[in-house]
Amino acid sequence: MTELMSEFRALRANVLRRWRDANVDDPATAIEEVVRFDEAIDQALTESIAWYASQTDRSRELMSGMIAHDLRNPLGAIVMSAHYLLRSDAIAGPEMKAAGRILSSATTMKKLVGDLLDFTQVRMGGHLAMTPVNMSLRDVCLDAVEELKAFHPDRTIEVTQSESVDGYWDRDRLHQVISNLVANALGHGAADAPVTVSAALEGACARLDVHNLGEPIPAESLSEIFDPLKRVPQTGARAHPSTGGVGLGLFIVKEVARAHGGSVAVASSREAGTTFTVKLPRKSSACAQQRDL
């Protein structure tokens, strides 16, 4: 980038010196042409910088995707080995506890790698892979919550559903959505208050809400909270230890909802707490008209 800027500066200076030495008869014409030349140089510089930046970003994202892809197999082996050790009768006591920590850390790393792969796929112009099936939203909510309860035994996570909520969705992707939203609520919500997951029908859509009490999200962060690599500043009561994320969880939630033809929104206040709401069409894009509500 420095060399690029130097080349344009040298070109501008060289042309202006030659123009000065040309002794143009009409000063007004000379000034007008110099202005046009400066505008052309500025436009060329802007386009060159934009092209360079786009190529740099693409190379960086491609490298991130390759690294994340290559990490999946060794991480999978670590997770499987840790599961084997925990089921084995050959270890006990401190060794069992160490195997549990290995499994917990490897599972967290595996999730981060998966998020990075999804992020790279979307940023490279692709779409998230989807395999929809007829399924129950309650079942996937219970599965995701049970997994998180195992990692957060001291926290309360409640699942409420007053009616059957079935639809044609990708089960693994919805599991990812629920896990990301609940993990976010656990990481940023009040430690002494429950996290609530609820599902209900809303016209042709299914509505999923994840709610937590605690310090609200700052108003200035709401507009960019679903952007990639964005993390809400943690101050005061929101200041928890790191949740192990890199700012991709909510971005993935948004992309999964969009891939289903749905949407995600957030509302946050000190009195009511924070609620993330995902709306999904039950069969096709039937709730597209409600997407931005």
C-alpha atoms as a PDB file:
ATOM      1  CA  MET A   1       0.000   0.000   0.000  1.00  0.00           C
ATOM      2  CA  THR A   2       2.858   2.396   0.799  1.00  0.00           C
ATOM      3  CA  GLU A   3       4.462   1.726  -2.582  1.00  0.00           C
ATOM      4  CA  LEU A   4       1.115   2.278  -4.331  1.00  0.00           C
ATOM      5  CA  MET A   5       0.647   5.669  -2.665  1.00  0.00           C
ATOM      6  CA  SER A   6       4.227   6.647  -3.497  1.00  0.00           C
ATOM      7  CA  GLU A   7       3.707   5.818  -7.177  1.00  0.00           C
ATOM      8  CA  PHE A   8       0.625   8.027  -7.395  1.00  0.00           C
ATOM      9  CA  ARG A   9       2.339  10.893  -5.557  1.00  0.00           C
ATOM     10  CA  ALA A  10       5.300  10.681  -7.910  1.00  0.00           C
ATOM     11  CA  LEU A  11       2.988  10.615 -10.957  1.00  0.00           C
ATOM     12  CA  ARG A  12       1.055  13.650  -9.734  1.00  0.00           C
ATOM     13  CA  ALA A  13       4.218  15.645  -8.991  1.00  0.00           C
ATOM     14  CA  ASN A  14       5.854  14.746 -12.326  1.00  0.00           C
ATOM     15  CA  VAL A  15       2.812  15.745 -14.407  1.00  0.00           C
ATOM     16  CA  LEU A  16       2.321  19.025 -12.514  1.00  0.00           C
ATOM     17  CA  ARG A  17       5.969  19.970 -13.003  1.00  0.00           C
ATOM     18  CA  ARG A  18       5.724  19.290 -16.722  1.00  0.00           C
ATOM     19  CA  TRP A  19       2.497  21.281 -16.879  1.00  0.00           C
ATOM     20  CA  ARG A  20       4.163  24.220 -15.156  1.00  0.00           C
ATOM     21  CA  ASP A  21       7.085  24.128 -17.595  1.00  0.00           C
ATOM     22  CA  ALA A  22       4.710  24.076 -20.583  1.00  0.00           C
ATOM     23  CA  ASN A  23       3.797  27.768 -20.083  1.00  0.00           C
ATOM     24  CA  VAL A  24       0.143  27.439 -21.063  1.00  0.00           C
ATOM     25  CA  ASP A  25      -1.199  30.718 -22.471  1.00  0.00           C
ATOM     26  CA  ASP A  26      -4.655  30.687 -20.888  1.00  0.00           C
ATOM     27  CA  PRO A  27      -4.394  30.496 -17.043  1.00  0.00           C
ATOM     28  CA  ALA A  28      -8.095  29.675 -16.643  1.00  0.00           C
ATOM     29  CA  THR A  29      -7.797  26.719 -18.997  1.00  0.00           C
ATOM     30  CA  ALA A  30      -4.644  25.595 -17.242  1.00  0.00           C
ATOM     31  CA  ILE A  31      -6.286  25.632 -13.818  1.00  0.00           C
ATOM     32  CA  GLU A  32      -9.350  23.780 -15.096  1.00  0.00           C
ATOM     33  CA  GLU A  33      -7.253  21.044 -16.681  1.00  0.00           C
ATOM     34  CA  VAL A  34      -5.095  20.697 -13.571  1.00  0.00           C
ATOM     35  CA  VAL A  35      -8.253  20.283 -11.487  1.00  0.00           C
ATOM     36  CA  ARG A  36      -9.529  17.588 -13.874  1.00  0.00           C
ATOM     37  CA  PHE A  37      -6.166  15.848 -13.706  1.00  0.00           C
ATOM     38  CA  ASP A  38      -6.210  15.875  -9.881  1.00  0.00           C
ATOM     39  CA  GLU A  39      -9.737  14.444  -9.881  1.00  0.00           C
ATOM     40  CA  ALA A  40      -8.686  11.665 -12.269  1.00  0.00           C
ATOM     41  CA  ILE A  41      -5.694  10.824 -10.075  1.00  0.00           C
ATOM     42  CA  ASP A  42      -7.856  10.766  -6.941  1.00  0.00           C
ATOM     43  CA  GLN A  43     -10.402   8.506  -8.651  1.00  0.00           C
ATOM     44  CA  ALA A  44      -7.711   6.121  -9.861  1.00  0.00           C
ATOM     45  CA  LEU A  45      -6.142   6.062  -6.394  1.00  0.00           C
ATOM     46  CA  THR A  46      -9.492   5.332  -4.751  1.00  0.00           C
ATOM     47  CA  GLU A  47     -10.245   2.477  -7.148  1.00  0.00           C
ATOM     48  CA  SER A  48      -6.756   1.025  -6.738  1.00  0.00           C
ATOM     49  CA  ILE A  49      -6.968   1.100  -2.942  1.00  0.00           C
ATOM     50  CA  ALA A  50     -10.437  -0.497  -3.027  1.00  0.00           C
ATOM     51  CA  TRP A  51      -9.197  -3.267  -5.351  1.00  0.00           C
ATOM     52  CA  TYR A  52      -6.106  -3.873  -3.211  1.00  0.00           C
ATOM     53  CA  ALA A  53      -8.176  -3.986  -0.016  1.00  0.00           C
ATOM     54  CA  SER A  54     -10.691  -6.415  -1.530  1.00  0.00           C
ATOM     55  CA  GLN A  55      -7.925  -8.737  -2.703  1.00  0.00           C
ATOM     56  CA  THR A  56      -6.233  -8.582   0.688  1.00  0.00           C
ATOM     57  CA  ASP A  57      -9.503  -9.348   2.495  1.00  0.00           C
ATOM     58  CA  ARG A  58     -10.235 -12.228   0.126  1.00  0.00           C
ATOM     59  CA  SER A  59      -6.780 -13.736   0.653  1.00  0.00           C
ATOM     60  CA  ARG A  60      -7.105 -13.370   4.423  1.00  0.00           C
ATOM     61  CA  GLU A  61     -10.538 -14.976   4.468  1.00  0.00           C
ATOM     62  CA  LEU A  62      -9.403 -17.801   2.200  1.00  0.00           C
ATOM     63  CA  MET A  63      -6.444 -18.488   4.483  1.00  0.00           C
ATOM     64  CA  SER A  64      -8.726 -18.439   7.549  1.00  0.00           C
ATOM     65  CA  GLY A  65     -11.066 -20.903   5.873  1.00  0.00           C
ATOM     66  CA  MET A  66      -8.222 -23.240   4.941  1.00  0.00           C
ATOM     67  CA  ILE A  67      -6.822 -23.199   8.473  1.00  0.00           C
ATOM     68  CA  ALA A  68     -10.258 -23.783  10.007  1.00  0.00           C
ATOM     69  CA  HIS A  69     -10.944 -26.626   7.571  1.00  0.00           C
ATOM     70  CA  ASP A  70      -7.635 -28.334   8.391  1.00  0.00           C
ATOM     71  CA  LEU A  71      -8.272 -28.011  12.146  1.00  0.00           C
ATOM     72  CA  ARG A  72     -11.549 -29.942  12.044  1.00  0.00           C
ATOM     73  CA  ASN A  73     -10.050 -33.430  11.820  1.00  0.00           C
ATOM     74  CA  PRO A  74      -7.523 -33.134  14.694  1.00  0.00           C
ATOM     75  CA  LEU A  75     -10.157 -31.458  16.870  1.00  0.00           C
ATOM     76  CA  GLY A  76     -12.603 -34.238  16.065  1.00  0.00           C
ATOM     77  CA  ALA A  77      -9.986 -36.778  17.111  1.00  0.00           C
ATOM     78  CA  ILE A  78      -9.417 -34.939  20.408  1.00  0.00           C
ATOM     79  CA  VAL A  79     -13.152 -34.864  21.162  1.00  0.00           C
ATOM     80  CA  MET A  80     -13.586 -38.564  20.368  1.00  0.00           C
ATOM     81  CA  SER A  81     -10.561 -39.504  22.470  1.00  0.00           C
ATOM     82  CA  ALA A  82     -11.824 -37.459  25.403  1.00  0.00           C
ATOM     83  CA  HIS A  83     -15.235 -39.163  25.168  1.00  0.00           C
ATOM     84  CA  TYR A  84     -13.477 -42.543  25.166  1.00  0.00           C
ATOM     85  CA  LEU A  85     -11.463 -41.664  28.271  1.00  0.00           C
ATOM     86  CA  LEU A  86     -14.562 -40.464  30.126  1.00  0.00           C
ATOM     87  CA  ARG A  87     -16.317 -43.774  29.378  1.00  0.00           C
ATOM     88  CA  SER A  88     -13.293 -45.846  30.303  1.00  0.00           C
ATOM     89  CA  ASP A  89     -12.840 -47.572  33.658  1.00  0.00           C
ATOM     90  CA  ALA A  90      -9.067 -47.163  33.449  1.00  0.00           C
ATOM     91  CA  ILE A  91      -9.016 -43.606  34.852  1.00  0.00           C
ATOM     92  CA  ALA A  92     -10.621 -41.964  37.854  1.00  0.00           C
ATOM     93  CA  GLY A  93     -10.313 -38.946  40.106  1.00  0.00           C
ATOM     94  CA  PRO A  94      -7.920 -36.260  38.811  1.00  0.00           C
ATOM     95  CA  GLU A  95      -7.457 -38.004  35.464  1.00  0.00           C
ATOM     96  CA  MET A  96     -11.212 -38.090  34.884  1.00  0.00           C
ATOM     97  CA  LYS A  97     -11.428 -34.397  35.727  1.00  0.00           C
ATOM     98  CA  ALA A  98      -8.598 -33.629  33.300  1.00  0.00           C
ATOM     99  CA  ALA A  99     -10.342 -35.593  30.539  1.00  0.00           C
ATOM    100  CA  GLY A 100     -13.492 -33.580  31.188  1.00  0.00           C
ATOM    101  CA  ARG A 101     -11.558 -30.333  30.806  1.00  0.00           C
ATOM    102  CA  ILE A 102     -10.029 -31.608  27.550  1.00  0.00           C
ATOM    103  CA  LEU A 103     -13.487 -32.424  26.204  1.00  0.00           C
ATOM    104  CA  SER A 104     -14.903 -29.055  27.247  1.00  0.00           C
ATOM    105  CA  SER A 105     -12.042 -27.074  25.710  1.00  0.00           C
ATOM    106  CA  ALA A 106     -11.964 -29.122  22.507  1.00  0.00           C
ATOM    107  CA  THR A 107     -15.734 -28.768  22.091  1.00  0.00           C
ATOM    108  CA  THR A 108     -15.424 -24.992  22.438  1.00  0.00           C
ATOM    109  CA  MET A 109     -12.608 -24.936  19.885  1.00  0.00           C
ATOM    110  CA  LYS A 110     -14.628 -27.099  17.502  1.00  0.00           C
ATOM    111  CA  LYS A 111     -17.529 -24.628  17.697  1.00  0.00           C
ATOM    112  CA  LEU A 112     -15.195 -21.688  17.015  1.00  0.00           C
ATOM    113  CA  VAL A 113     -13.735 -23.482  14.007  1.00  0.00           C
ATOM    114  CA  GLY A 114     -17.236 -24.215  12.693  1.00  0.00           C
ATOM    115  CA  ASP A 115     -18.230 -20.562  13.078  1.00  0.00           C
ATOM    116  CA  LEU A 116     -15.076 -19.467  11.274  1.00  0.00           C
ATOM    117  CA  LEU A 117     -15.792 -21.830   8.386  1.00  0.00           C
ATOM    118  CA  ASP A 118     -19.365 -20.528   8.093  1.00  0.00           C
ATOM    119  CA  PHE A 119     -18.139 -16.940   8.205  1.00  0.00           C
ATOM    120  CA  THR A 120     -15.564 -17.582   5.493  1.00  0.00           C
ATOM    121  CA  GLN A 121     -18.118 -19.341   3.295  1.00  0.00           C
ATOM    122  CA  VAL A 122     -20.536 -16.405   3.496  1.00  0.00           C
ATOM    123  CA  ARG A 123     -17.858 -13.738   3.005  1.00  0.00           C
ATOM    124  CA  MET A 124     -16.455 -15.557  -0.012  1.00  0.00           C
ATOM    125  CA  GLY A 125     -19.836 -15.187  -1.719  1.00  0.00           C
ATOM    126  CA  GLY A 126     -21.247 -18.600  -0.894  1.00  0.00           C
ATOM    127  CA  HIS A 127     -24.260 -19.699   1.110  1.00  0.00           C
ATOM    128  CA  LEU A 128     -24.594 -21.800   4.215  1.00  0.00           C
ATOM    129  CA  ALA A 129     -25.213 -25.460   3.425  1.00  0.00           C
ATOM    130  CA  MET A 130     -28.784 -26.375   4.354  1.00  0.00           C
ATOM    131  CA  THR A 131     -30.446 -29.780   4.672  1.00  0.00           C
ATOM    132  CA  PRO A 132     -34.051 -29.132   5.758  1.00  0.00           C
ATOM    133  CA  VAL A 133     -36.255 -31.891   7.146  1.00  0.00           C
ATOM    134  CA  ASN A 134     -39.621 -32.015   8.885  1.00  0.00           C
ATOM    135  CA  MET A 135     -38.801 -31.536  12.554  1.00  0.00           C
ATOM    136  CA  SER A 136     -39.954 -30.310  15.949  1.00  0.00           C
ATOM    137  CA  LEU A 137     -38.548 -27.027  17.226  1.00  0.00           C
ATOM    138  CA  ARG A 138     -39.111 -28.130  20.804  1.00  0.00           C
ATOM    139  CA  ASP A 139     -36.932 -31.219  20.354  1.00  0.00           C
ATOM    140  CA  VAL A 140     -33.963 -29.274  19.025  1.00  0.00           C
ATOM    141  CA  CYS A 141     -34.408 -26.659  21.776  1.00  0.00           C
ATOM    142  CA  LEU A 142     -34.254 -29.380  24.434  1.00  0.00           C
ATOM    143  CA  ASP A 143     -31.191 -30.995  22.852  1.00  0.00           C
ATOM    144  CA  ALA A 144     -29.274 -27.715  22.627  1.00  0.00           C
ATOM    145  CA  VAL A 145     -30.210 -26.677  26.144  1.00  0.00           C
ATOM    146  CA  GLU A 146     -29.229 -30.032  27.643  1.00  0.00           C
ATOM    147  CA  GLU A 147     -25.777 -29.721  26.089  1.00  0.00           C
ATOM    148  CA  LEU A 148     -25.317 -26.226  27.503  1.00  0.00           C
ATOM    149  CA  LYS A 149     -26.547 -27.292  30.938  1.00  0.00           C
ATOM    150  CA  ALA A 150     -23.717 -29.821  31.033  1.00  0.00           C
ATOM    151  CA  PHE A 151     -21.190 -26.999  30.546  1.00  0.00           C
ATOM    152  CA  HIS A 152     -23.009 -24.591  32.887  1.00  0.00           C
ATOM    153  CA  PRO A 153     -24.319 -26.750  35.750  1.00  0.00           C
ATOM    154  CA  ASP A 154     -24.670 -23.731  38.033  1.00  0.00           C
ATOM    155  CA  ARG A 155     -27.034 -21.857  35.677  1.00  0.00           C
ATOM    156  CA  THR A 156     -30.773 -22.245  35.095  1.00  0.00           C
ATOM    157  CA  ILE A 157     -32.018 -22.585  31.516  1.00  0.00           C
ATOM    158  CA  GLU A 158     -35.754 -23.019  30.992  1.00  0.00           C
ATOM    159  CA  VAL A 159     -37.568 -24.190  27.852  1.00  0.00           C
ATOM    160  CA  THR A 160     -41.220 -23.218  27.504  1.00  0.00           C
ATOM    161  CA  GLN A 161     -43.586 -24.103  24.669  1.00  0.00           C
ATOM    162  CA  SER A 162     -47.372 -24.011  24.869  1.00  0.00           C
ATOM    163  CA  GLU A 163     -48.085 -25.685  21.529  1.00  0.00           C
ATOM    164  CA  SER A 164     -46.559 -27.962  18.924  1.00  0.00           C
ATOM    165  CA  VAL A 165     -44.181 -26.027  16.695  1.00  0.00           C
ATOM    166  CA  ASP A 166     -43.105 -28.099  13.709  1.00  0.00           C
ATOM    167  CA  GLY A 167     -41.570 -27.012  10.428  1.00  0.00           C
ATOM    168  CA  TYR A 168     -39.286 -27.755   7.521  1.00  0.00           C
ATOM    169  CA  TRP A 169     -35.856 -26.643   8.697  1.00  0.00           C
ATOM    170  CA  ASP A 170     -32.235 -27.726   8.942  1.00  0.00           C
ATOM    171  CA  ARG A 171     -31.991 -29.360  12.362  1.00  0.00           C
ATOM    172  CA  ASP A 172     -28.243 -28.902  12.810  1.00  0.00           C
ATOM    173  CA  ARG A 173     -28.420 -25.246  11.808  1.00  0.00           C
ATOM    174  CA  LEU A 174     -31.265 -24.536  14.245  1.00  0.00           C
ATOM    175  CA  HIS A 175     -29.296 -26.329  16.938  1.00  0.00           C
ATOM    176  CA  GLN A 176     -26.475 -23.927  16.108  1.00  0.00           C
ATOM    177  CA  VAL A 177     -28.806 -20.918  16.359  1.00  0.00           C
ATOM    178  CA  ILE A 178     -30.190 -21.951  19.748  1.00  0.00           C
ATOM    179  CA  SER A 179     -26.751 -22.823  21.127  1.00  0.00           C
ATOM    180  CA  ASN A 180     -25.300 -19.489  20.034  1.00  0.00           C
ATOM    181  CA  LEU A 181     -28.185 -17.450  21.443  1.00  0.00           C
ATOM    182  CA  VAL A 182     -28.326 -19.295  24.765  1.00  0.00           C
ATOM    183  CA  ALA A 183     -24.536 -19.197  25.146  1.00  0.00           C
ATOM    184  CA  ASN A 184     -24.688 -15.467  24.474  1.00  0.00           C
ATOM    185  CA  ALA A 185     -27.388 -15.060  27.135  1.00  0.00           C
ATOM    186  CA  LEU A 186     -25.380 -17.082  29.645  1.00  0.00           C
ATOM    187  CA  GLY A 187     -22.274 -15.059  28.930  1.00  0.00           C
ATOM    188  CA  HIS A 188     -23.880 -11.621  29.175  1.00  0.00           C
ATOM    189  CA  GLY A 189     -26.950 -12.078  31.377  1.00  0.00           C
ATOM    190  CA  ALA A 190     -27.329 -11.923  35.132  1.00  0.00           C
ATOM    191  CA  ALA A 191     -25.723 -14.968  36.733  1.00  0.00           C
ATOM    192  CA  ASP A 192     -28.509 -15.317  39.314  1.00  0.00           C
ATOM    193  CA  ALA A 193     -31.384 -15.182  36.810  1.00  0.00           C
ATOM    194  CA  PRO A 194     -32.598 -17.917  34.455  1.00  0.00           C
ATOM    195  CA  VAL A 195     -32.228 -17.895  30.697  1.00  0.00           C
ATOM    196  CA  THR A 196     -35.561 -18.628  29.029  1.00  0.00           C
ATOM    197  CA  VAL A 197     -36.026 -20.297  25.633  1.00  0.00           C
ATOM    198  CA  SER A 198     -39.553 -20.231  24.226  1.00  0.00           C
ATOM    199  CA  ALA A 199     -41.114 -21.277  20.931  1.00  0.00           C
ATOM    200  CA  ALA A 200     -44.554 -20.465  19.547  1.00  0.00           C
ATOM    201  CA  LEU A 201     -46.522 -20.170  16.325  1.00  0.00           C
ATOM    202  CA  GLU A 202     -47.016 -16.740  14.794  1.00  0.00           C
ATOM    203  CA  GLY A 203     -49.121 -16.950  11.674  1.00  0.00           C
ATOM    204  CA  ALA A 204     -47.221 -18.925   9.030  1.00  0.00           C
ATOM    205  CA  CYS A 205     -44.041 -18.590  11.047  1.00  0.00           C
ATOM    206  CA  ALA A 206     -42.405 -20.150  14.047  1.00  0.00           C
ATOM    207  CA  ARG A 207     -41.101 -17.706  16.628  1.00  0.00           C
ATOM    208  CA  LEU A 208     -38.138 -18.510  18.859  1.00  0.00           C
ATOM    209  CA  ASP A 209     -37.285 -16.205  21.790  1.00  0.00           C
ATOM    210  CA  VAL A 210     -34.196 -16.373  24.003  1.00  0.00           C
ATOM    211  CA  HIS A 211     -34.453 -14.051  27.012  1.00  0.00           C
ATOM    212  CA  ASN A 212     -32.138 -13.084  29.835  1.00  0.00           C
ATOM    213  CA  LEU A 213     -32.159 -10.472  32.563  1.00  0.00           C
ATOM    214  CA  GLY A 214     -29.190  -8.282  33.424  1.00  0.00           C
ATOM    215  CA  GLU A 215     -27.453  -5.222  32.117  1.00  0.00           C
ATOM    216  CA  PRO A 216     -28.959  -4.146  28.770  1.00  0.00           C
ATOM    217  CA  ILE A 217     -27.069  -3.983  25.491  1.00  0.00           C
ATOM    218  CA  PRO A 218     -25.902  -0.395  24.890  1.00  0.00           C
ATOM    219  CA  ALA A 219     -28.197   1.367  22.409  1.00  0.00           C
ATOM    220  CA  GLU A 220     -25.273   2.284  20.172  1.00  0.00           C
ATOM    221  CA  SER A 221     -24.367  -1.404  19.796  1.00  0.00           C
ATOM    222  CA  LEU A 222     -27.803  -2.654  18.729  1.00  0.00           C
ATOM    223  CA  SER A 223     -27.430  -1.614  15.082  1.00  0.00           C
ATOM    224  CA  GLU A 224     -24.227  -3.608  14.595  1.00  0.00           C
ATOM    225  CA  ILE A 225     -24.660  -6.485  17.005  1.00  0.00           C
ATOM    226  CA  PHE A 226     -25.205  -8.999  14.172  1.00  0.00           C
ATOM    227  CA  ASP A 227     -22.153  -7.811  12.220  1.00  0.00           C
ATOM    228  CA  PRO A 228     -19.215 -10.247  12.064  1.00  0.00           C
ATOM    229  CA  LEU A 229     -16.333  -9.871  14.511  1.00  0.00           C
ATOM    230  CA  LYS A 230     -18.321  -7.402  16.639  1.00  0.00           C
ATOM    231  CA  ARG A 231     -18.420  -7.862  20.385  1.00  0.00           C
ATOM    232  CA  VAL A 232     -20.511  -5.775  22.746  1.00  0.00           C
ATOM    233  CA  PRO A 233     -18.299  -3.800  25.166  1.00  0.00           C
ATOM    234  CA  GLN A 234     -18.607  -5.270  28.651  1.00  0.00           C
ATOM    235  CA  THR A 235     -18.676  -2.756  31.461  1.00  0.00           C
ATOM    236  CA  GLY A 236     -20.094  -2.736  34.959  1.00  0.00           C
ATOM    237  CA  ALA A 237     -22.553  -5.551  35.554  1.00  0.00           C
ATOM    238  CA  ARG A 238     -22.040  -6.887  32.016  1.00  0.00           C
ATOM    239  CA  ALA A 239     -18.348  -7.474  32.663  1.00  0.00           C
ATOM    240  CA  HIS A 240     -18.096 -11.282  32.730  1.00  0.00           C
ATOM    241  CA  PRO A 241     -15.076 -13.444  32.017  1.00  0.00           C
ATOM    242  CA  SER A 242     -14.513 -14.132  28.341  1.00  0.00           C
ATOM    243  CA  THR A 243     -17.109 -16.448  26.833  1.00  0.00           C
ATOM    244  CA  GLY A 244     -14.576 -17.844  24.395  1.00  0.00           C
ATOM    245  CA  GLY A 245     -16.131 -16.311  21.293  1.00  0.00           C
ATOM    246  CA  VAL A 246     -14.622 -14.137  18.597  1.00  0.00           C
ATOM    247  CA  GLY A 247     -17.749 -12.215  17.637  1.00  0.00           C
ATOM    248  CA  LEU A 248     -19.195 -14.604  15.043  1.00  0.00           C
ATOM    249  CA  GLY A 249     -22.014 -16.279  16.971  1.00  0.00           C
ATOM    250  CA  LEU A 250     -24.733 -13.697  16.320  1.00  0.00           C
ATOM    251  CA  PHE A 251     -23.579 -13.242  12.730  1.00  0.00           C
ATOM    252  CA  ILE A 252     -24.067 -16.980  12.179  1.00  0.00           C
ATOM    253  CA  VAL A 253     -27.523 -16.750  13.785  1.00  0.00           C
ATOM    254  CA  LYS A 254     -28.498 -14.015  11.322  1.00  0.00           C
ATOM    255  CA  GLU A 255     -27.180 -15.939   8.316  1.00  0.00           C
ATOM    256  CA  VAL A 256     -28.946 -19.177   9.312  1.00  0.00           C
ATOM    257  CA  ALA A 257     -32.224 -17.292   9.784  1.00  0.00           C
ATOM    258  CA  ARG A 258     -31.818 -15.626   6.379  1.00  0.00           C
ATOM    259  CA  ALA A 259     -30.993 -18.957   4.733  1.00  0.00           C
ATOM    260  CA  HIS A 260     -34.360 -20.235   6.000  1.00  0.00           C
ATOM    261  CA  GLY A 261     -36.135 -17.148   4.673  1.00  0.00           C
ATOM    262  CA  GLY A 262     -36.529 -15.777   8.194  1.00  0.00           C
ATOM    263  CA  SER A 263     -35.128 -13.017  10.367  1.00  0.00           C
ATOM    264  CA  VAL A 264     -33.612 -12.227  13.757  1.00  0.00           C
ATOM    265  CA  ALA A 265     -34.057  -9.155  15.921  1.00  0.00           C
ATOM    266  CA  VAL A 266     -33.107  -8.008  19.416  1.00  0.00           C
ATOM    267  CA  ALA A 267     -34.768  -5.852  22.055  1.00  0.00           C
ATOM    268  CA  SER A 268     -32.941  -4.826  25.207  1.00  0.00           C
ATOM    269  CA  SER A 269     -33.797  -2.652  28.206  1.00  0.00           C
ATOM    270  CA  ARG A 270     -32.916  -2.555  31.878  1.00  0.00           C
ATOM    271  CA  GLU A 271     -36.508  -3.257  32.940  1.00  0.00           C
ATOM    272  CA  ALA A 272     -37.440  -6.057  30.509  1.00  0.00           C
ATOM    273  CA  GLY A 273     -34.012  -7.614  29.934  1.00  0.00           C
ATOM    274  CA  THR A 274     -32.682  -8.763  26.566  1.00  0.00           C
ATOM    275  CA  THR A 275     -34.635 -10.866  24.084  1.00  0.00           C
ATOM    276  CA  PHE A 276     -33.396 -12.236  20.784  1.00  0.00           C
ATOM    277  CA  THR A 277     -36.269 -13.199  18.483  1.00  0.00           C
ATOM    278  CA  VAL A 278     -35.900 -15.508  15.486  1.00  0.00           C
ATOM    279  CA  LYS A 279     -38.785 -15.866  13.028  1.00  0.00           C
ATOM    280  CA  LEU A 280     -38.769 -18.762  10.573  1.00  0.00           C
ATOM    281  CA  PRO A 281     -41.263 -19.780   7.883  1.00  0.00           C
ATOM    282  CA  ARG A 282     -42.631 -23.209   8.733  1.00  0.00           C
ATOM    283  CA  LYS A 283     -42.660 -24.495   5.160  1.00  0.00           C
ATOM    284  CA  SER A 284     -41.273 -21.997   2.628  1.00  0.00           C
ATOM    285  CA  SER A 285     -40.968 -18.218   2.628  1.00  0.00           C
ATOM    286  CA  ALA A 286     -44.464 -17.754   4.000  1.00  0.00           C
ATOM    287  CA  CYS A 287     -43.384 -15.274   6.657  1.00  0.00           C
ATOM    288  CA  ALA A 288     -41.133 -13.228   4.383  1.00  0.00           C
ATOM    289  CA  GLN A 289     -43.533 -10.318   4.724  1.00  0.00           C
ATOM    290  CA  GLN A 290     -42.967 -10.380   8.489  1.00  0.00           C
ATOM    291  CA  ARG A 291     -39.185 -10.603   8.161  1.00  0.00           C
ATOM    292  CA  ASP A 292     -38.457  -7.070   9.307  1.00  0.00           C
ATOM    293  CA  LEU A 293     -41.138  -6.857  12.006  1.00  0.00           C
END
